[in-house]
Amino acid sequence: MICIKADIPKELNAIDDELKAIYHSKDTVCFFTFKYREQRNEFLERTRGMTKVERETIYQEYQS
């Protein structure tokens, strides 16, 4: 296991883990949050293997 110490905002910690998708690259960690577990699971499936920019584009669909 690798852990990186960071100050995570309380608001992000308060969100149920099943409503968050977490991705990382060599210099960034992204937390995508959703209203429903089903949305999160669908997002994970749809964005498998995508780049950060591609994921961000798909994520916009869930924000409406």
N, C-alpha and C. Protein backbone atom coordinates (compact mmCIF):
# COMPACT_ATOMS: atom_id res chain seq x y z
N MET A 1 0.85 -1.17 0.00
CA MET A 1 0.00 0.00 0.00
C MET A 1 0.89 1.23 0.00
N ILE A 2 0.47 2.24 -0.75
CA ILE A 2 1.17 3.52 -0.79
C ILE A 2 0.20 4.59 -0.32
N CYS A 3 0.61 5.36 0.65
CA CYS A 3 -0.23 6.44 1.17
C CYS A 3 0.50 7.76 0.97
N ILE A 4 -0.25 8.77 0.55
CA ILE A 4 0.29 10.12 0.39
C ILE A 4 -0.49 11.02 1.32
N LYS A 5 0.19 11.62 2.25
CA LYS A 5 -0.48 12.49 3.22
C LYS A 5 -0.95 13.77 2.53
N ALA A 6 -2.19 14.12 2.79
CA ALA A 6 -2.77 15.33 2.20
C ALA A 6 -3.86 15.85 3.12
N ASP A 7 -4.12 17.13 3.04
CA ASP A 7 -5.22 17.74 3.77
C ASP A 7 -6.47 17.64 2.90
N ILE A 8 -7.30 16.66 3.21
CA ILE A 8 -8.54 16.44 2.46
C ILE A 8 -9.63 17.29 3.09
N PRO A 9 -10.35 18.09 2.29
CA PRO A 9 -11.42 18.93 2.84
C PRO A 9 -12.48 18.08 3.55
N LYS A 10 -12.99 18.60 4.65
CA LYS A 10 -14.02 17.89 5.42
C LYS A 10 -15.24 17.57 4.56
N GLU A 11 -15.59 18.46 3.66
CA GLU A 11 -16.76 18.25 2.79
C GLU A 11 -16.58 17.00 1.93
N LEU A 12 -15.37 16.77 1.45
CA LEU A 12 -15.09 15.61 0.63
C LEU A 12 -15.11 14.34 1.47
N ASN A 13 -14.57 14.41 2.66
CA ASN A 13 -14.59 13.27 3.57
C ASN A 13 -16.01 12.88 3.95
N ALA A 14 -16.91 13.84 4.02
CA ALA A 14 -18.29 13.58 4.43
C ALA A 14 -19.09 12.82 3.38
N ILE A 15 -18.63 12.82 2.14
CA ILE A 15 -19.35 12.14 1.05
C ILE A 15 -19.08 10.64 1.14
N ASP A 16 -20.14 9.87 1.07
CA ASP A 16 -20.05 8.41 1.11
C ASP A 16 -19.08 7.92 0.03
N ASP A 17 -18.20 6.99 0.39
CA ASP A 17 -17.21 6.47 -0.57
C ASP A 17 -17.84 5.87 -1.81
N GLU A 18 -19.05 5.33 -1.69
CA GLU A 18 -19.71 4.75 -2.85
C GLU A 18 -20.21 5.79 -3.83
N LEU A 19 -20.10 7.07 -3.47
CA LEU A 19 -20.50 8.16 -4.36
C LEU A 19 -19.31 8.90 -4.93
N LYS A 20 -18.10 8.38 -4.71
CA LYS A 20 -16.88 9.01 -5.21
C LYS A 20 -16.13 8.07 -6.13
N ALA A 21 -15.58 8.63 -7.19
CA ALA A 21 -14.65 7.91 -8.05
C ALA A 21 -13.33 8.67 -7.95
N ILE A 22 -12.25 7.95 -7.68
CA ILE A 22 -10.96 8.58 -7.47
C ILE A 22 -9.99 8.07 -8.52
N TYR A 23 -9.39 8.99 -9.24
CA TYR A 23 -8.40 8.66 -10.25
C TYR A 23 -7.15 9.48 -9.98
N HIS A 24 -6.02 8.98 -10.43
CA HIS A 24 -4.78 9.74 -10.26
C HIS A 24 -3.92 9.61 -11.51
N SER A 25 -3.09 10.60 -11.69
CA SER A 25 -2.07 10.55 -12.74
C SER A 25 -0.74 10.81 -12.04
N LYS A 26 0.30 11.10 -12.80
CA LYS A 26 1.61 11.30 -12.17
C LYS A 26 1.66 12.56 -11.33
N ASP A 27 0.74 13.51 -11.54
CA ASP A 27 0.83 14.76 -10.78
C ASP A 27 -0.50 15.27 -10.22
N THR A 28 -1.57 14.46 -10.35
CA THR A 28 -2.89 14.92 -9.93
C THR A 28 -3.71 13.76 -9.37
N VAL A 29 -4.53 14.08 -8.37
CA VAL A 29 -5.55 13.15 -7.88
C VAL A 29 -6.88 13.84 -8.08
N CYS A 30 -7.83 13.16 -8.71
CA CYS A 30 -9.14 13.73 -8.99
C CYS A 30 -10.22 12.94 -8.26
N PHE A 31 -11.13 13.66 -7.62
CA PHE A 31 -12.28 13.07 -6.96
C PHE A 31 -13.51 13.48 -7.76
N PHE A 32 -14.19 12.53 -8.33
CA PHE A 32 -15.44 12.78 -9.03
C PHE A 32 -16.55 12.34 -8.09
N THR A 33 -17.50 13.22 -7.82
CA THR A 33 -18.58 12.89 -6.88
C THR A 33 -19.92 12.82 -7.61
N PHE A 34 -20.79 11.96 -7.09
CA PHE A 34 -22.07 11.69 -7.73
C PHE A 34 -23.19 11.70 -6.71
N LYS A 35 -24.42 11.88 -7.20
CA LYS A 35 -25.59 11.87 -6.33
C LYS A 35 -26.02 10.44 -5.99
N TYR A 36 -25.78 9.53 -6.92
CA TYR A 36 -26.26 8.16 -6.76
C TYR A 36 -25.14 7.16 -7.06
N ARG A 37 -25.16 6.06 -6.34
CA ARG A 37 -24.17 5.00 -6.53
C ARG A 37 -24.19 4.46 -7.96
N GLU A 38 -25.38 4.33 -8.53
CA GLU A 38 -25.52 3.83 -9.89
C GLU A 38 -24.81 4.73 -10.89
N GLN A 39 -24.89 6.05 -10.68
CA GLN A 39 -24.19 6.99 -11.56
C GLN A 39 -22.68 6.79 -11.47
N ARG A 40 -22.20 6.63 -10.26
CA ARG A 40 -20.76 6.42 -10.06
C ARG A 40 -20.30 5.15 -10.77
N ASN A 41 -21.06 4.06 -10.59
CA ASN A 41 -20.69 2.79 -11.21
C ASN A 41 -20.71 2.88 -12.73
N GLU A 42 -21.72 3.55 -13.27
CA GLU A 42 -21.80 3.73 -14.72
C GLU A 42 -20.61 4.55 -15.21
N PHE A 43 -20.28 5.62 -14.49
CA PHE A 43 -19.14 6.45 -14.85
C PHE A 43 -17.84 5.64 -14.87
N LEU A 44 -17.65 4.81 -13.86
CA LEU A 44 -16.44 3.97 -13.81
C LEU A 44 -16.34 3.08 -15.04
N GLU A 45 -17.46 2.47 -15.42
CA GLU A 45 -17.46 1.59 -16.59
C GLU A 45 -17.22 2.38 -17.88
N ARG A 46 -17.89 3.51 -18.02
CA ARG A 46 -17.78 4.30 -19.25
C ARG A 46 -16.40 4.90 -19.45
N THR A 47 -15.71 5.21 -18.36
CA THR A 47 -14.44 5.94 -18.48
C THR A 47 -13.21 5.05 -18.30
N ARG A 48 -13.41 3.77 -18.22
CA ARG A 48 -12.29 2.84 -18.08
C ARG A 48 -11.28 3.06 -19.21
N GLY A 49 -10.03 3.31 -18.85
CA GLY A 49 -8.96 3.48 -19.83
C GLY A 49 -8.86 4.86 -20.46
N MET A 50 -9.72 5.79 -20.05
CA MET A 50 -9.70 7.14 -20.62
C MET A 50 -8.66 8.03 -19.94
N THR A 51 -8.31 9.10 -20.63
CA THR A 51 -7.43 10.10 -20.04
C THR A 51 -8.23 11.01 -19.12
N LYS A 52 -7.52 11.81 -18.35
CA LYS A 52 -8.16 12.76 -17.43
C LYS A 52 -9.11 13.70 -18.18
N VAL A 53 -8.66 14.23 -19.29
CA VAL A 53 -9.49 15.16 -20.07
C VAL A 53 -10.74 14.47 -20.58
N GLU A 54 -10.61 13.25 -21.05
CA GLU A 54 -11.77 12.50 -21.54
C GLU A 54 -12.75 12.24 -20.40
N ARG A 55 -12.24 11.88 -19.22
CA ARG A 55 -13.11 11.65 -18.06
C ARG A 55 -13.86 12.92 -17.68
N GLU A 56 -13.15 14.03 -17.68
CA GLU A 56 -13.78 15.31 -17.31
C GLU A 56 -14.93 15.64 -18.25
N THR A 57 -14.76 15.34 -19.53
CA THR A 57 -15.81 15.59 -20.51
C THR A 57 -17.04 14.74 -20.21
N ILE A 58 -16.83 13.47 -19.94
CA ILE A 58 -17.94 12.57 -19.61
C ILE A 58 -18.60 13.01 -18.30
N TYR A 59 -17.80 13.42 -17.33
CA TYR A 59 -18.32 13.82 -16.01
C TYR A 59 -19.30 14.98 -16.13
N GLN A 60 -19.09 15.87 -17.08
CA GLN A 60 -19.99 17.00 -17.28
C GLN A 60 -21.42 16.54 -17.54
N GLU A 61 -21.58 15.38 -18.17
CA GLU A 61 -22.92 14.85 -18.42
C GLU A 61 -23.67 14.56 -17.11
N TYR A 62 -22.94 14.23 -16.06
CA TYR A 62 -23.56 13.88 -14.80
C TYR A 62 -23.86 15.11 -13.94
N GLN A 63 -23.42 16.25 -14.34
CA GLN A 63 -23.60 17.45 -13.55
C GLN A 63 -24.90 18.21 -13.86
N SER A 64 -25.63 17.75 -14.84
CA SER A 64 -26.87 18.44 -15.20
C SER A 64 -28.07 17.86 -14.49
